[in-house]
Amino acid sequence: GLAISQAMELFPQKVSLAIFVSAVMPGPSFPFSVISRKVLGDVGSTLDNKLYYDNGPNNPPTSFIFGPKYISQVLYQYSPPEDAALANMLERPQPLPVSSAEEVVFSKAKYGSVKRAFVVLEKDQAVPKQVQEGMIEKNPPNRVERIG
C-alpha cells in the first residue's frame, strides 16, 4: 500500500488506477504514521514478528520483519505450506519512517488525481476489518469491493 501510494505521489501520470487489497492506504489527510501506529503496533507484538529499534529503545521502531509463525498462520493461512516457506525465505526487514520529516507527504494535486479502489477482505487477520474500514472512512477511495 505504501509503495503504490508513493508511486501515485511521485508519478501520478503513470498510474491510472491504484488498487489496495486490504492494504495500508495513506492519503493527504491520513498520513502513514497514523496507520502504522495502529497496524504495526499490533503486528509488532504478534507471535514472532520483530520490530527493530536502530535508534534506541526509547525511539520509534526503524524497521520490522514478519516472523515465520506470523507468515504461515496469518498472512498465508489459506495457502499451501510451500508458499509460506517461500515467503519466509524471501522475507527481509521493511523500513519504517522514523520521523515525520522522513514521511512522504501525499498531496491532493498528485496523489489525489489518481483513481483508487479498495478491496476489503472480511477475514483478513493482518489488517483487521475495523482498520480497513477506518482507512476507507478517512481517505475514501473511488470504489470499494468486499470479499467475504
N, C-alpha and C. Protein backbone atom coordinates (compact mmCIF):
# COMPACT_ATOMS: atom_id res chain seq x y z
N GLY A 1 0.79 -1.20 0.00
CA GLY A 1 0.00 0.00 0.00
C GLY A 1 0.84 1.27 0.00
N LEU A 2 1.89 1.27 0.83
CA LEU A 2 2.73 2.46 0.90
C LEU A 2 3.48 2.68 -0.41
N ALA A 3 3.95 1.59 -1.03
CA ALA A 3 4.71 1.71 -2.27
C ALA A 3 3.87 2.30 -3.40
N ILE A 4 2.64 1.80 -3.59
CA ILE A 4 1.80 2.34 -4.65
C ILE A 4 1.39 3.78 -4.33
N SER A 5 1.21 4.08 -3.06
CA SER A 5 0.87 5.46 -2.67
C SER A 5 2.01 6.41 -3.01
N GLN A 6 3.24 5.96 -2.78
CA GLN A 6 4.40 6.79 -3.13
C GLN A 6 4.49 6.97 -4.64
N ALA A 7 4.23 5.89 -5.40
CA ALA A 7 4.24 6.00 -6.86
C ALA A 7 3.17 6.97 -7.34
N MET A 8 2.01 6.95 -6.70
CA MET A 8 0.93 7.88 -7.06
C MET A 8 1.36 9.32 -6.85
N GLU A 9 2.08 9.57 -5.77
CA GLU A 9 2.52 10.93 -5.47
C GLU A 9 3.64 11.37 -6.40
N LEU A 10 4.58 10.47 -6.68
CA LEU A 10 5.75 10.83 -7.48
C LEU A 10 5.47 10.80 -8.99
N PHE A 11 4.63 9.87 -9.44
CA PHE A 11 4.37 9.70 -10.87
C PHE A 11 2.88 9.54 -11.15
N PRO A 12 2.06 10.52 -10.80
CA PRO A 12 0.61 10.35 -10.96
C PRO A 12 0.18 10.12 -12.41
N GLN A 13 0.92 10.65 -13.36
CA GLN A 13 0.58 10.48 -14.77
C GLN A 13 0.82 9.05 -15.25
N LYS A 14 1.57 8.25 -14.48
CA LYS A 14 1.88 6.88 -14.89
C LYS A 14 1.02 5.83 -14.18
N VAL A 15 0.20 6.26 -13.24
CA VAL A 15 -0.66 5.33 -12.50
C VAL A 15 -2.10 5.68 -12.83
N SER A 16 -2.77 4.80 -13.57
CA SER A 16 -4.15 5.11 -13.95
C SER A 16 -5.15 4.70 -12.88
N LEU A 17 -4.82 3.65 -12.12
CA LEU A 17 -5.70 3.18 -11.05
C LEU A 17 -4.85 2.46 -10.01
N ALA A 18 -5.05 2.80 -8.76
CA ALA A 18 -4.36 2.11 -7.66
C ALA A 18 -5.38 1.23 -6.95
N ILE A 19 -5.06 -0.04 -6.84
CA ILE A 19 -5.95 -0.98 -6.16
C ILE A 19 -5.28 -1.43 -4.87
N PHE A 20 -5.93 -1.15 -3.76
CA PHE A 20 -5.43 -1.52 -2.44
C PHE A 20 -6.23 -2.74 -1.98
N VAL A 21 -5.56 -3.87 -1.82
CA VAL A 21 -6.23 -5.09 -1.37
C VAL A 21 -5.88 -5.29 0.10
N SER A 22 -6.80 -4.89 0.96
CA SER A 22 -6.60 -4.98 2.41
C SER A 22 -5.21 -4.47 2.77
N ALA A 23 -4.87 -3.32 2.24
CA ALA A 23 -3.52 -2.78 2.39
C ALA A 23 -3.56 -1.41 3.05
N VAL A 24 -2.42 -0.96 3.47
CA VAL A 24 -2.28 0.38 4.04
C VAL A 24 -2.60 1.38 2.94
N MET A 25 -3.50 2.33 3.24
CA MET A 25 -3.91 3.33 2.26
C MET A 25 -3.82 4.73 2.89
N PRO A 26 -2.60 5.29 2.92
CA PRO A 26 -2.47 6.65 3.45
C PRO A 26 -3.01 7.66 2.44
N GLY A 27 -3.06 8.91 2.82
CA GLY A 27 -3.55 9.93 1.91
C GLY A 27 -3.22 11.32 2.40
N PRO A 28 -3.69 12.35 1.69
CA PRO A 28 -3.38 13.73 2.04
C PRO A 28 -3.75 14.11 3.48
N SER A 29 -4.85 13.58 3.98
CA SER A 29 -5.25 13.94 5.35
C SER A 29 -5.16 12.75 6.30
N PHE A 30 -4.46 11.69 5.87
CA PHE A 30 -4.35 10.48 6.69
C PHE A 30 -2.96 9.88 6.49
N PRO A 31 -1.94 10.42 7.21
CA PRO A 31 -0.56 10.01 6.98
C PRO A 31 -0.27 8.56 7.37
N PHE A 32 0.76 8.01 6.75
CA PHE A 32 1.18 6.64 7.01
C PHE A 32 1.50 6.43 8.49
N SER A 33 2.10 7.42 9.14
CA SER A 33 2.49 7.26 10.54
C SER A 33 1.29 6.95 11.43
N VAL A 34 0.15 7.52 11.13
CA VAL A 34 -1.07 7.25 11.91
C VAL A 34 -1.50 5.80 11.72
N ILE A 35 -1.49 5.34 10.48
CA ILE A 35 -1.89 3.96 10.19
C ILE A 35 -0.88 2.99 10.78
N SER A 36 0.40 3.28 10.62
CA SER A 36 1.42 2.35 11.09
C SER A 36 1.38 2.17 12.60
N ARG A 37 1.04 3.22 13.33
CA ARG A 37 0.92 3.07 14.79
C ARG A 37 -0.17 2.07 15.13
N LYS A 38 -1.25 2.11 14.38
CA LYS A 38 -2.37 1.20 14.64
C LYS A 38 -2.05 -0.22 14.17
N VAL A 39 -1.64 -0.35 12.92
CA VAL A 39 -1.42 -1.68 12.35
C VAL A 39 -0.13 -2.30 12.86
N LEU A 40 0.98 -1.58 12.75
CA LEU A 40 2.26 -2.17 13.12
C LEU A 40 2.42 -2.30 14.62
N GLY A 41 1.74 -1.48 15.38
CA GLY A 41 1.77 -1.66 16.83
C GLY A 41 1.22 -3.01 17.20
N ASP A 42 0.14 -3.41 16.52
CA ASP A 42 -0.44 -4.73 16.74
C ASP A 42 0.45 -5.82 16.16
N VAL A 43 0.99 -5.58 14.96
CA VAL A 43 1.81 -6.58 14.27
C VAL A 43 3.09 -6.86 15.05
N GLY A 44 3.71 -5.81 15.58
CA GLY A 44 4.98 -5.98 16.28
C GLY A 44 4.88 -6.84 17.53
N SER A 45 3.71 -6.88 18.12
CA SER A 45 3.55 -7.65 19.35
C SER A 45 2.90 -9.00 19.09
N THR A 46 2.74 -9.37 17.83
CA THR A 46 2.03 -10.58 17.47
C THR A 46 3.00 -11.71 17.16
N LEU A 47 2.74 -12.86 17.77
CA LEU A 47 3.50 -14.08 17.51
C LEU A 47 5.00 -13.81 17.53
N ASP A 48 5.68 -14.05 16.40
CA ASP A 48 7.13 -13.96 16.36
C ASP A 48 7.64 -12.81 15.49
N ASN A 49 6.81 -11.81 15.24
CA ASN A 49 7.27 -10.64 14.48
C ASN A 49 8.27 -9.85 15.30
N LYS A 50 9.12 -9.09 14.60
CA LYS A 50 10.12 -8.29 15.30
C LYS A 50 10.10 -6.86 14.80
N LEU A 51 10.16 -5.93 15.74
CA LEU A 51 10.38 -4.53 15.43
C LEU A 51 11.83 -4.23 15.77
N TYR A 52 12.51 -3.47 14.93
CA TYR A 52 13.90 -3.10 15.18
C TYR A 52 13.97 -1.63 15.58
N TYR A 53 14.75 -1.36 16.60
CA TYR A 53 14.90 -0.01 17.14
C TYR A 53 16.35 0.42 16.97
N ASP A 54 16.74 0.73 15.75
CA ASP A 54 18.13 1.08 15.46
C ASP A 54 18.56 2.39 16.11
N ASN A 55 17.61 3.23 16.51
CA ASN A 55 17.93 4.49 17.18
C ASN A 55 17.74 4.41 18.68
N GLY A 56 17.64 3.21 19.21
CA GLY A 56 17.47 3.02 20.65
C GLY A 56 16.04 2.68 21.02
N PRO A 57 15.87 2.01 22.17
CA PRO A 57 14.55 1.54 22.58
C PRO A 57 13.56 2.64 22.97
N ASN A 58 14.05 3.85 23.22
CA ASN A 58 13.17 4.95 23.59
C ASN A 58 12.68 5.75 22.38
N ASN A 59 13.08 5.32 21.18
CA ASN A 59 12.67 5.98 19.95
C ASN A 59 11.76 5.05 19.15
N PRO A 60 11.05 5.58 18.16
CA PRO A 60 10.16 4.73 17.36
C PRO A 60 10.94 3.64 16.62
N PRO A 61 10.28 2.55 16.27
CA PRO A 61 10.96 1.49 15.52
C PRO A 61 11.37 2.00 14.14
N THR A 62 12.48 1.45 13.64
CA THR A 62 13.00 1.85 12.34
C THR A 62 12.66 0.86 11.23
N SER A 63 12.39 -0.39 11.62
CA SER A 63 12.00 -1.41 10.64
C SER A 63 11.31 -2.56 11.36
N PHE A 64 10.71 -3.44 10.58
CA PHE A 64 10.07 -4.62 11.14
C PHE A 64 10.22 -5.78 10.18
N ILE A 65 10.03 -6.98 10.72
CA ILE A 65 10.06 -8.18 9.89
C ILE A 65 8.99 -9.14 10.41
N PHE A 66 8.29 -9.78 9.49
CA PHE A 66 7.31 -10.79 9.87
C PHE A 66 8.04 -12.07 10.24
N GLY A 67 7.61 -12.71 11.32
CA GLY A 67 8.20 -13.97 11.73
C GLY A 67 7.57 -15.14 10.99
N PRO A 68 8.24 -16.31 11.02
CA PRO A 68 7.73 -17.49 10.31
C PRO A 68 6.33 -17.92 10.75
N LYS A 69 6.05 -17.88 12.04
CA LYS A 69 4.72 -18.27 12.52
C LYS A 69 3.66 -17.30 12.00
N TYR A 70 3.97 -16.00 12.07
CA TYR A 70 3.02 -14.99 11.61
C TYR A 70 2.74 -15.17 10.12
N ILE A 71 3.80 -15.42 9.35
CA ILE A 71 3.63 -15.61 7.91
C ILE A 71 2.71 -16.79 7.63
N SER A 72 2.97 -17.93 8.29
CA SER A 72 2.18 -19.13 7.98
C SER A 72 0.78 -19.09 8.59
N GLN A 73 0.61 -18.49 9.77
CA GLN A 73 -0.68 -18.53 10.45
C GLN A 73 -1.59 -17.34 10.14
N VAL A 74 -1.01 -16.21 9.73
CA VAL A 74 -1.82 -15.01 9.50
C VAL A 74 -1.81 -14.57 8.03
N LEU A 75 -0.64 -14.50 7.42
CA LEU A 75 -0.56 -14.00 6.05
C LEU A 75 -0.85 -15.07 5.00
N TYR A 76 -0.46 -16.31 5.28
CA TYR A 76 -0.60 -17.40 4.31
C TYR A 76 -1.45 -18.55 4.85
N GLN A 77 -2.39 -18.25 5.73
CA GLN A 77 -3.17 -19.30 6.38
C GLN A 77 -4.02 -20.11 5.39
N TYR A 78 -4.36 -19.54 4.24
CA TYR A 78 -5.17 -20.24 3.25
C TYR A 78 -4.33 -20.75 2.07
N SER A 79 -3.03 -20.65 2.18
CA SER A 79 -2.14 -21.03 1.08
C SER A 79 -1.44 -22.35 1.38
N PRO A 80 -0.93 -23.00 0.34
CA PRO A 80 -0.16 -24.22 0.57
C PRO A 80 1.09 -23.93 1.40
N PRO A 81 1.54 -24.90 2.20
CA PRO A 81 2.71 -24.69 3.06
C PRO A 81 3.96 -24.25 2.29
N GLU A 82 4.11 -24.71 1.05
CA GLU A 82 5.30 -24.32 0.29
C GLU A 82 5.29 -22.83 -0.04
N ASP A 83 4.12 -22.22 -0.17
CA ASP A 83 4.04 -20.77 -0.39
C ASP A 83 4.53 -20.01 0.84
N ALA A 84 4.12 -20.46 2.01
CA ALA A 84 4.58 -19.84 3.26
C ALA A 84 6.08 -20.03 3.42
N ALA A 85 6.58 -21.20 3.06
CA ALA A 85 8.02 -21.46 3.16
C ALA A 85 8.80 -20.51 2.25
N LEU A 86 8.31 -20.31 1.04
CA LEU A 86 8.97 -19.38 0.12
C LEU A 86 8.92 -17.95 0.66
N ALA A 87 7.78 -17.55 1.19
CA ALA A 87 7.66 -16.21 1.78
C ALA A 87 8.66 -16.03 2.92
N ASN A 88 8.84 -17.05 3.74
CA ASN A 88 9.82 -16.98 4.83
C ASN A 88 11.23 -16.80 4.30
N MET A 89 11.56 -17.49 3.22
CA MET A 89 12.91 -17.38 2.65
C MET A 89 13.15 -15.99 2.06
N LEU A 90 12.11 -15.38 1.52
CA LEU A 90 12.25 -14.09 0.85
C LEU A 90 12.06 -12.89 1.78
N GLU A 91 11.59 -13.13 3.00
CA GLU A 91 11.27 -12.03 3.93
C GLU A 91 12.53 -11.27 4.34
N ARG A 92 12.45 -9.96 4.31
CA ARG A 92 13.53 -9.06 4.72
C ARG A 92 12.92 -7.95 5.58
N PRO A 93 13.72 -7.32 6.43
CA PRO A 93 13.19 -6.20 7.23
C PRO A 93 12.66 -5.09 6.32
N GLN A 94 11.52 -4.53 6.71
CA GLN A 94 10.88 -3.45 5.97
C GLN A 94 11.14 -2.14 6.70
N PRO A 95 11.69 -1.14 6.03
CA PRO A 95 11.96 0.14 6.72
C PRO A 95 10.67 0.86 7.07
N LEU A 96 10.71 1.59 8.16
CA LEU A 96 9.60 2.43 8.60
C LEU A 96 10.08 3.87 8.65
N PRO A 97 9.21 4.83 8.34
CA PRO A 97 9.61 6.23 8.53
C PRO A 97 9.90 6.45 10.01
N VAL A 98 11.07 7.00 10.30
CA VAL A 98 11.46 7.20 11.70
C VAL A 98 10.86 8.47 12.25
N SER A 99 10.75 9.48 11.42
CA SER A 99 10.21 10.75 11.90
C SER A 99 9.27 11.32 10.84
N SER A 100 8.54 12.34 11.23
CA SER A 100 7.63 12.97 10.28
C SER A 100 8.40 13.63 9.14
N ALA A 101 9.68 13.96 9.37
CA ALA A 101 10.49 14.55 8.32
C ALA A 101 10.77 13.55 7.20
N GLU A 102 10.80 12.26 7.54
CA GLU A 102 11.06 11.22 6.55
C GLU A 102 9.79 10.75 5.85
N GLU A 103 8.66 11.12 6.38
CA GLU A 103 7.40 10.63 5.84
C GLU A 103 7.05 11.33 4.54
N VAL A 104 6.59 10.55 3.57
CA VAL A 104 6.14 11.11 2.30
C VAL A 104 4.83 11.84 2.55
N VAL A 105 4.74 13.05 2.03
CA VAL A 105 3.51 13.83 2.13
C VAL A 105 2.72 13.59 0.85
N PHE A 106 1.47 13.20 1.01
CA PHE A 106 0.62 12.93 -0.14
C PHE A 106 -0.26 14.14 -0.41
N SER A 107 -0.17 14.67 -1.63
CA SER A 107 -0.91 15.88 -1.98
C SER A 107 -2.20 15.53 -2.72
N LYS A 108 -3.17 16.44 -2.61
CA LYS A 108 -4.42 16.26 -3.36
C LYS A 108 -4.17 16.44 -4.86
N ALA A 109 -3.20 17.29 -5.20
CA ALA A 109 -2.93 17.55 -6.62
C ALA A 109 -2.34 16.33 -7.33
N LYS A 110 -1.44 15.61 -6.68
CA LYS A 110 -0.80 14.46 -7.33
C LYS A 110 -1.47 13.15 -6.90
N TYR A 111 -1.28 12.76 -5.65
CA TYR A 111 -1.88 11.53 -5.13
C TYR A 111 -3.40 11.54 -5.37
N GLY A 112 -4.01 12.67 -5.09
CA GLY A 112 -5.46 12.79 -5.21
C GLY A 112 -5.99 12.73 -6.63
N SER A 113 -5.10 12.87 -7.62
CA SER A 113 -5.55 12.83 -9.02
C SER A 113 -5.67 11.40 -9.56
N VAL A 114 -5.18 10.43 -8.81
CA VAL A 114 -5.21 9.03 -9.25
C VAL A 114 -6.43 8.33 -8.66
N LYS A 115 -7.18 7.63 -9.50
CA LYS A 115 -8.33 6.88 -9.01
C LYS A 115 -7.85 5.72 -8.13
N ARG A 116 -8.64 5.45 -7.08
CA ARG A 116 -8.30 4.39 -6.14
C ARG A 116 -9.48 3.46 -5.92
N ALA A 117 -9.15 2.18 -5.76
CA ALA A 117 -10.15 1.18 -5.36
C ALA A 117 -9.58 0.45 -4.16
N PHE A 118 -10.45 0.10 -3.23
CA PHE A 118 -10.02 -0.64 -2.04
C PHE A 118 -10.83 -1.92 -1.96
N VAL A 119 -10.14 -3.04 -1.79
CA VAL A 119 -10.79 -4.34 -1.64
C VAL A 119 -10.70 -4.72 -0.16
N VAL A 120 -11.85 -4.78 0.49
CA VAL A 120 -11.92 -5.18 1.90
C VAL A 120 -11.96 -6.70 1.96
N LEU A 121 -11.03 -7.27 2.68
CA LEU A 121 -11.04 -8.71 2.92
C LEU A 121 -11.60 -8.93 4.31
N GLU A 122 -12.81 -9.42 4.36
CA GLU A 122 -13.54 -9.57 5.63
C GLU A 122 -12.81 -10.46 6.63
N LYS A 123 -12.09 -11.47 6.15
CA LYS A 123 -11.43 -12.43 7.04
C LYS A 123 -9.94 -12.17 7.20
N ASP A 124 -9.46 -11.03 6.73
CA ASP A 124 -8.04 -10.73 6.84
C ASP A 124 -7.65 -10.62 8.30
N GLN A 125 -6.59 -11.31 8.67
CA GLN A 125 -6.11 -11.26 10.04
C GLN A 125 -4.96 -10.27 10.21
N ALA A 126 -4.31 -9.89 9.11
CA ALA A 126 -3.18 -8.97 9.20
C ALA A 126 -3.64 -7.52 9.36
N VAL A 127 -4.61 -7.11 8.56
CA VAL A 127 -5.19 -5.77 8.67
C VAL A 127 -6.66 -5.98 9.03
N PRO A 128 -6.99 -5.87 10.31
CA PRO A 128 -8.37 -6.15 10.75
C PRO A 128 -9.40 -5.30 10.01
N LYS A 129 -10.60 -5.85 9.89
CA LYS A 129 -11.67 -5.18 9.15
C LYS A 129 -11.90 -3.76 9.66
N GLN A 130 -11.87 -3.54 10.99
CA GLN A 130 -12.12 -2.20 11.51
C GLN A 130 -11.04 -1.21 11.08
N VAL A 131 -9.80 -1.68 10.90
CA VAL A 131 -8.73 -0.81 10.41
C VAL A 131 -8.96 -0.50 8.93
N GLN A 132 -9.34 -1.52 8.16
CA GLN A 132 -9.65 -1.30 6.74
C GLN A 132 -10.77 -0.27 6.59
N GLU A 133 -11.83 -0.44 7.38
CA GLU A 133 -12.97 0.48 7.31
C GLU A 133 -12.57 1.89 7.74
N GLY A 134 -11.68 2.00 8.73
CA GLY A 134 -11.20 3.31 9.17
C GLY A 134 -10.44 4.03 8.08
N MET A 135 -9.60 3.30 7.35
CA MET A 135 -8.85 3.92 6.25
C MET A 135 -9.81 4.38 5.15
N ILE A 136 -10.82 3.57 4.86
CA ILE A 136 -11.81 3.94 3.84
C ILE A 136 -12.57 5.19 4.26
N GLU A 137 -12.93 5.26 5.53
CA GLU A 137 -13.68 6.41 6.04
C GLU A 137 -12.85 7.69 6.00
N LYS A 138 -11.57 7.60 6.40
CA LYS A 138 -10.73 8.79 6.49
C LYS A 138 -10.13 9.21 5.15
N ASN A 139 -10.06 8.26 4.21
CA ASN A 139 -9.45 8.52 2.91
C ASN A 139 -10.26 7.79 1.84
N PRO A 140 -11.50 8.24 1.58
CA PRO A 140 -12.41 7.48 0.72
C PRO A 140 -11.88 7.25 -0.70
N PRO A 141 -11.83 5.97 -1.12
CA PRO A 141 -11.44 5.68 -2.50
C PRO A 141 -12.63 5.87 -3.44
N ASN A 142 -12.39 5.76 -4.73
CA ASN A 142 -13.45 5.89 -5.72
C ASN A 142 -14.39 4.69 -5.70
N ARG A 143 -13.86 3.53 -5.31
CA ARG A 143 -14.67 2.32 -5.32
C ARG A 143 -14.22 1.39 -4.19
N VAL A 144 -15.18 0.71 -3.59
CA VAL A 144 -14.90 -0.27 -2.54
C VAL A 144 -15.58 -1.58 -2.92
N GLU A 145 -14.82 -2.66 -2.86
CA GLU A 145 -15.35 -4.01 -3.09
C GLU A 145 -15.09 -4.82 -1.83
N ARG A 146 -15.91 -5.80 -1.58
CA ARG A 146 -15.77 -6.63 -0.38
C ARG A 146 -15.70 -8.10 -0.77
N ILE A 147 -14.76 -8.80 -0.16
CA ILE A 147 -14.63 -10.24 -0.35
C ILE A 147 -14.81 -10.90 1.00
N GLY A 148 -15.77 -11.81 1.08
CA GLY A 148 -16.27 -12.38 2.27
C GLY A 148 -15.48 -13.21 3.13
